[in-house]
Amino acid sequence: MPTPTVYPNFKLNQNNGNAIDLDTDTIKVMIVTNSYVPATADAFITAANAHQVTGTNYTAGGTTVAGVTLALDGTNAEFIHNDMSWLQSAAGFANGRYFIWYKDTGTPATSRLIMYMADTADFGNVAGDLILDGSATTGVLNFI
C-alpha cells in the first residue's frame, strides 16, 4: 500500500486547538480521479469533491471509517481502522487514483481534509472487489 500524505492544514489544526478527534468524529474516505491534484493549501474537501469517481457500489461523499483505534507502537501513535471494501460491479468505476480521508461535517466547505493516498495507476471495482487495508499491522497514519 502506498504511504499516505498528510495535508499540512490537518497538521496545523491538530496542534493549534482545532483538532479532529480521529476516533470519535465522523471520518470518511472518498475516492477521486487523477483530475484532482492535491495542493499544500487544501484544507476542505471542496477542491476534491468535484473529482469523485462514480459507479455502482460507490456512494458520493465516500464511506465512513469504522473500527478506529489510536494506539502506541513504541514512540509512534498509529491511526488504525477496519478494512474498507467496494464490491465488484461491471457498472462500477475504474478511474480512481486517490483515497482521501476527511472529517465529514455534512458540508463540503467545513469538512476538513486529513490525508490522501495516491496510487501510480488507476484503480477501481470493475475487475474485482476494491479493498483498502485499514492496516491493523502498521497503522494507516503514524505520528512520530
C-alpha atoms as a PDB file:
ATOM      1  CA  MET A   1       0.000   0.000   0.000  1.00  0.00           C
ATOM      2  CA  PRO A   2       1.357   3.468  -0.836  1.00  0.00           C
ATOM      3  CA  THR A   3       2.218   5.767   2.039  1.00  0.00           C
ATOM      4  CA  PRO A   4      -0.416   8.363   2.983  1.00  0.00           C
ATOM      5  CA  THR A   5       0.426  12.048   2.681  1.00  0.00           C
ATOM      6  CA  VAL A   6      -0.921  14.274   5.436  1.00  0.00           C
ATOM      7  CA  TYR A   7      -2.383  17.632   4.435  1.00  0.00           C
ATOM      8  CA  PRO A   8      -0.421  20.481   6.077  1.00  0.00           C
ATOM      9  CA  ASN A   9      -3.615  22.161   7.337  1.00  0.00           C
ATOM     10  CA  PHE A  10      -4.505  18.973   9.224  1.00  0.00           C
ATOM     11  CA  LYS A  11      -1.122  19.099  10.979  1.00  0.00           C
ATOM     12  CA  LEU A  12      -1.627  22.759  11.832  1.00  0.00           C
ATOM     13  CA  ASN A  13      -5.147  22.230  13.189  1.00  0.00           C
ATOM     14  CA  GLN A  14      -4.083  19.228  15.271  1.00  0.00           C
ATOM     15  CA  ASN A  15      -1.594  21.483  17.038  1.00  0.00           C
ATOM     16  CA  ASN A  16      -3.494  24.761  17.388  1.00  0.00           C
ATOM     17  CA  GLY A  17      -6.549  23.723  19.385  1.00  0.00           C
ATOM     18  CA  ASN A  18      -8.769  22.896  16.408  1.00  0.00           C
ATOM     19  CA  ALA A  19      -8.021  19.157  16.324  1.00  0.00           C
ATOM     20  CA  ILE A  20     -10.005  16.441  14.582  1.00  0.00           C
ATOM     21  CA  ASP A  21     -10.810  13.633  17.008  1.00  0.00           C
ATOM     22  CA  LEU A  22      -9.875  10.656  14.841  1.00  0.00           C
ATOM     23  CA  ASP A  23     -11.684   8.067  16.945  1.00  0.00           C
ATOM     24  CA  THR A  24     -14.958   9.917  17.668  1.00  0.00           C
ATOM     25  CA  ASP A  25     -15.544  12.338  14.763  1.00  0.00           C
ATOM     26  CA  THR A  26     -17.127  11.004  11.569  1.00  0.00           C
ATOM     27  CA  ILE A  27     -14.181  10.195   9.301  1.00  0.00           C
ATOM     28  CA  LYS A  28     -14.827   9.191   5.702  1.00  0.00           C
ATOM     29  CA  VAL A  29     -12.766   8.021   2.756  1.00  0.00           C
ATOM     30  CA  MET A  30     -13.674   9.320  -0.676  1.00  0.00           C
ATOM     31  CA  ILE A  31     -12.158   8.147  -3.942  1.00  0.00           C
ATOM     32  CA  VAL A  32     -11.229  10.692  -6.603  1.00  0.00           C
ATOM     33  CA  THR A  33      -9.765  10.558 -10.098  1.00  0.00           C
ATOM     34  CA  ASN A  34      -6.392  11.802 -11.329  1.00  0.00           C
ATOM     35  CA  SER A  35      -8.075  15.083 -12.360  1.00  0.00           C
ATOM     36  CA  TYR A  36      -7.729  16.142  -8.698  1.00  0.00           C
ATOM     37  CA  VAL A  37      -4.291  17.473  -7.885  1.00  0.00           C
ATOM     38  CA  PRO A  38      -3.643  17.681  -4.113  1.00  0.00           C
ATOM     39  CA  ALA A  39      -2.332  21.093  -3.104  1.00  0.00           C
ATOM     40  CA  THR A  40      -0.481  22.132   0.024  1.00  0.00           C
ATOM     41  CA  ALA A  41      -3.106  24.812   0.691  1.00  0.00           C
ATOM     42  CA  ASP A  42      -6.086  22.404   0.524  1.00  0.00           C
ATOM     43  CA  ALA A  43      -7.996  22.409   3.810  1.00  0.00           C
ATOM     44  CA  PHE A  44     -11.549  21.259   2.947  1.00  0.00           C
ATOM     45  CA  ILE A  45     -12.999  18.678   0.558  1.00  0.00           C
ATOM     46  CA  THR A  46     -14.454  21.319  -1.753  1.00  0.00           C
ATOM     47  CA  ALA A  47     -11.429  21.067  -4.075  1.00  0.00           C
ATOM     48  CA  ALA A  48     -11.621  17.267  -4.293  1.00  0.00           C
ATOM     49  CA  ASN A  49     -15.394  16.857  -4.202  1.00  0.00           C
ATOM     50  CA  ALA A  50     -15.957  17.546  -7.918  1.00  0.00           C
ATOM     51  CA  HIS A  51     -13.456  14.837  -8.897  1.00  0.00           C
ATOM     52  CA  GLN A  52     -15.090  11.841  -7.197  1.00  0.00           C
ATOM     53  CA  VAL A  53     -15.469   8.593  -9.068  1.00  0.00           C
ATOM     54  CA  THR A  54     -18.962   7.448  -9.980  1.00  0.00           C
ATOM     55  CA  GLY A  55     -20.266   3.941 -10.377  1.00  0.00           C
ATOM     56  CA  THR A  56     -22.117   1.099  -8.749  1.00  0.00           C
ATOM     57  CA  ASN A  57     -21.112   0.362  -5.137  1.00  0.00           C
ATOM     58  CA  TYR A  58     -19.561   3.817  -4.628  1.00  0.00           C
ATOM     59  CA  THR A  59     -21.547   6.391  -2.665  1.00  0.00           C
ATOM     60  CA  ALA A  60     -20.886  10.071  -3.357  1.00  0.00           C
ATOM     61  CA  GLY A  61     -19.129  11.584  -0.350  1.00  0.00           C
ATOM     62  CA  GLY A  62     -17.312   8.362   0.415  1.00  0.00           C
ATOM     63  CA  THR A  63     -17.570   5.629   3.004  1.00  0.00           C
ATOM     64  CA  THR A  64     -17.488   6.086   6.777  1.00  0.00           C
ATOM     65  CA  VAL A  65     -14.445   4.667   8.509  1.00  0.00           C
ATOM     66  CA  ALA A  66     -15.298   2.099  11.206  1.00  0.00           C
ATOM     67  CA  GLY A  67     -13.378   0.361  13.955  1.00  0.00           C
ATOM     68  CA  VAL A  68     -10.980   3.222  14.591  1.00  0.00           C
ATOM     69  CA  THR A  69      -8.187   2.635  17.058  1.00  0.00           C
ATOM     70  CA  LEU A  70      -5.488   5.013  18.141  1.00  0.00           C
ATOM     71  CA  ALA A  71      -2.590   3.020  19.541  1.00  0.00           C
ATOM     72  CA  LEU A  72       1.036   3.378  20.512  1.00  0.00           C
ATOM     73  CA  ASP A  73       3.738   1.431  18.731  1.00  0.00           C
ATOM     74  CA  GLY A  74       6.872   2.301  20.605  1.00  0.00           C
ATOM     75  CA  THR A  75       7.103   6.080  20.356  1.00  0.00           C
ATOM     76  CA  ASN A  76       4.721   6.342  17.383  1.00  0.00           C
ATOM     77  CA  ALA A  77       0.972   6.885  17.607  1.00  0.00           C
ATOM     78  CA  GLU A  78      -0.976   4.956  14.971  1.00  0.00           C
ATOM     79  CA  PHE A  79      -4.394   5.591  13.411  1.00  0.00           C
ATOM     80  CA  ILE A  80      -5.856   2.196  12.506  1.00  0.00           C
ATOM     81  CA  HIS A  81      -9.304   1.311  11.125  1.00  0.00           C
ATOM     82  CA  ASN A  82     -11.203  -1.610   9.651  1.00  0.00           C
ATOM     83  CA  ASP A  83     -10.558  -2.544   6.048  1.00  0.00           C
ATOM     84  CA  MET A  84     -12.956  -0.895   3.600  1.00  0.00           C
ATOM     85  CA  SER A  85     -14.453  -2.626   0.543  1.00  0.00           C
ATOM     86  CA  TRP A  86     -16.154  -1.514  -2.635  1.00  0.00           C
ATOM     87  CA  LEU A  87     -17.695  -4.658  -4.126  1.00  0.00           C
ATOM     88  CA  GLN A  88     -17.099  -5.630  -7.741  1.00  0.00           C
ATOM     89  CA  SER A  89     -19.578  -4.411 -10.323  1.00  0.00           C
ATOM     90  CA  ALA A  90     -19.447  -4.307 -14.112  1.00  0.00           C
ATOM     91  CA  ALA A  91     -21.026  -0.837 -13.734  1.00  0.00           C
ATOM     92  CA  GLY A  92     -18.501   0.236 -11.088  1.00  0.00           C
ATOM     93  CA  PHE A  93     -15.573   2.600 -11.585  1.00  0.00           C
ATOM     94  CA  ALA A  94     -12.074   2.042 -12.968  1.00  0.00           C
ATOM     95  CA  ASN A  95     -10.660   5.557 -12.723  1.00  0.00           C
ATOM     96  CA  GLY A  96      -9.842   6.032  -9.029  1.00  0.00           C
ATOM     97  CA  ARG A  97      -6.399   7.455  -8.281  1.00  0.00           C
ATOM     98  CA  TYR A  98      -6.576   8.820  -4.716  1.00  0.00           C
ATOM     99  CA  PHE A  99      -8.128   7.748  -1.430  1.00  0.00           C
ATOM    100  CA  ILE A 100      -8.878  10.844   0.665  1.00  0.00           C
ATOM    101  CA  TRP A 101      -9.609  10.748   4.416  1.00  0.00           C
ATOM    102  CA  TYR A 102     -11.577  13.660   5.833  1.00  0.00           C
ATOM    103  CA  LYS A 103     -13.783  14.719   8.738  1.00  0.00           C
ATOM    104  CA  ASP A 104     -17.365  14.785   7.489  1.00  0.00           C
ATOM    105  CA  THR A 105     -19.496  17.647   8.804  1.00  0.00           C
ATOM    106  CA  GLY A 106     -22.171  17.225   6.131  1.00  0.00           C
ATOM    107  CA  THR A 107     -20.983  20.372   4.353  1.00  0.00           C
ATOM    108  CA  PRO A 108     -18.002  20.261   1.957  1.00  0.00           C
ATOM    109  CA  ALA A 109     -16.905  23.802   2.862  1.00  0.00           C
ATOM    110  CA  THR A 110     -16.397  22.762   6.516  1.00  0.00           C
ATOM    111  CA  SER A 111     -15.346  19.106   6.049  1.00  0.00           C
ATOM    112  CA  ARG A 112     -11.629  19.174   6.766  1.00  0.00           C
ATOM    113  CA  LEU A 113      -9.083  17.102   4.892  1.00  0.00           C
ATOM    114  CA  ILE A 114      -6.807  14.745   6.814  1.00  0.00           C
ATOM    115  CA  MET A 115      -4.670  12.832   4.327  1.00  0.00           C
ATOM    116  CA  TYR A 116      -4.622  11.206   0.929  1.00  0.00           C
ATOM    117  CA  MET A 117      -3.015   8.170  -0.597  1.00  0.00           C
ATOM    118  CA  ALA A 118      -2.153   8.184  -4.288  1.00  0.00           C
ATOM    119  CA  ASP A 119      -1.639   5.167  -6.494  1.00  0.00           C
ATOM    120  CA  THR A 120       0.622   5.154  -9.546  1.00  0.00           C
ATOM    121  CA  ALA A 121      -2.171   3.833 -11.789  1.00  0.00           C
ATOM    122  CA  ASP A 122      -5.945   3.998 -11.874  1.00  0.00           C
ATOM    123  CA  PHE A 123      -7.863   1.507  -9.724  1.00  0.00           C
ATOM    124  CA  GLY A 124     -11.480   0.525  -9.247  1.00  0.00           C
ATOM    125  CA  ASN A 125     -14.058  -2.144  -8.589  1.00  0.00           C
ATOM    126  CA  VAL A 126     -14.872  -3.311 -12.141  1.00  0.00           C
ATOM    127  CA  ALA A 127     -12.470  -6.286 -12.306  1.00  0.00           C
ATOM    128  CA  GLY A 128     -12.820  -7.304  -8.645  1.00  0.00           C
ATOM    129  CA  ASP A 129     -13.559  -6.025  -5.160  1.00  0.00           C
ATOM    130  CA  LEU A 130     -11.552  -2.928  -4.219  1.00  0.00           C
ATOM    131  CA  ILE A 131     -10.196  -3.272  -0.679  1.00  0.00           C
ATOM    132  CA  LEU A 132      -8.485  -0.525   1.302  1.00  0.00           C
ATOM    133  CA  ASP A 133      -6.343  -2.061   4.038  1.00  0.00           C
ATOM    134  CA  GLY A 134      -7.012  -0.330   7.365  1.00  0.00           C
ATOM    135  CA  SER A 135      -3.526  -1.536   8.229  1.00  0.00           C
ATOM    136  CA  ALA A 136      -4.041  -3.178  11.583  1.00  0.00           C
ATOM    137  CA  THR A 137      -0.374  -4.186  11.468  1.00  0.00           C
ATOM    138  CA  THR A 138       1.346  -0.907  10.628  1.00  0.00           C
ATOM    139  CA  GLY A 139      -1.259   1.838  11.052  1.00  0.00           C
ATOM    140  CA  VAL A 140      -2.730   3.866   8.222  1.00  0.00           C
ATOM    141  CA  LEU A 141      -1.227   7.040   9.639  1.00  0.00           C
ATOM    142  CA  ASN A 142       1.719   7.180  12.005  1.00  0.00           C
ATOM    143  CA  PHE A 143       2.502  10.202  14.138  1.00  0.00           C
ATOM    144  CA  ILE A 144       6.149  10.318  15.081  1.00  0.00           C
END
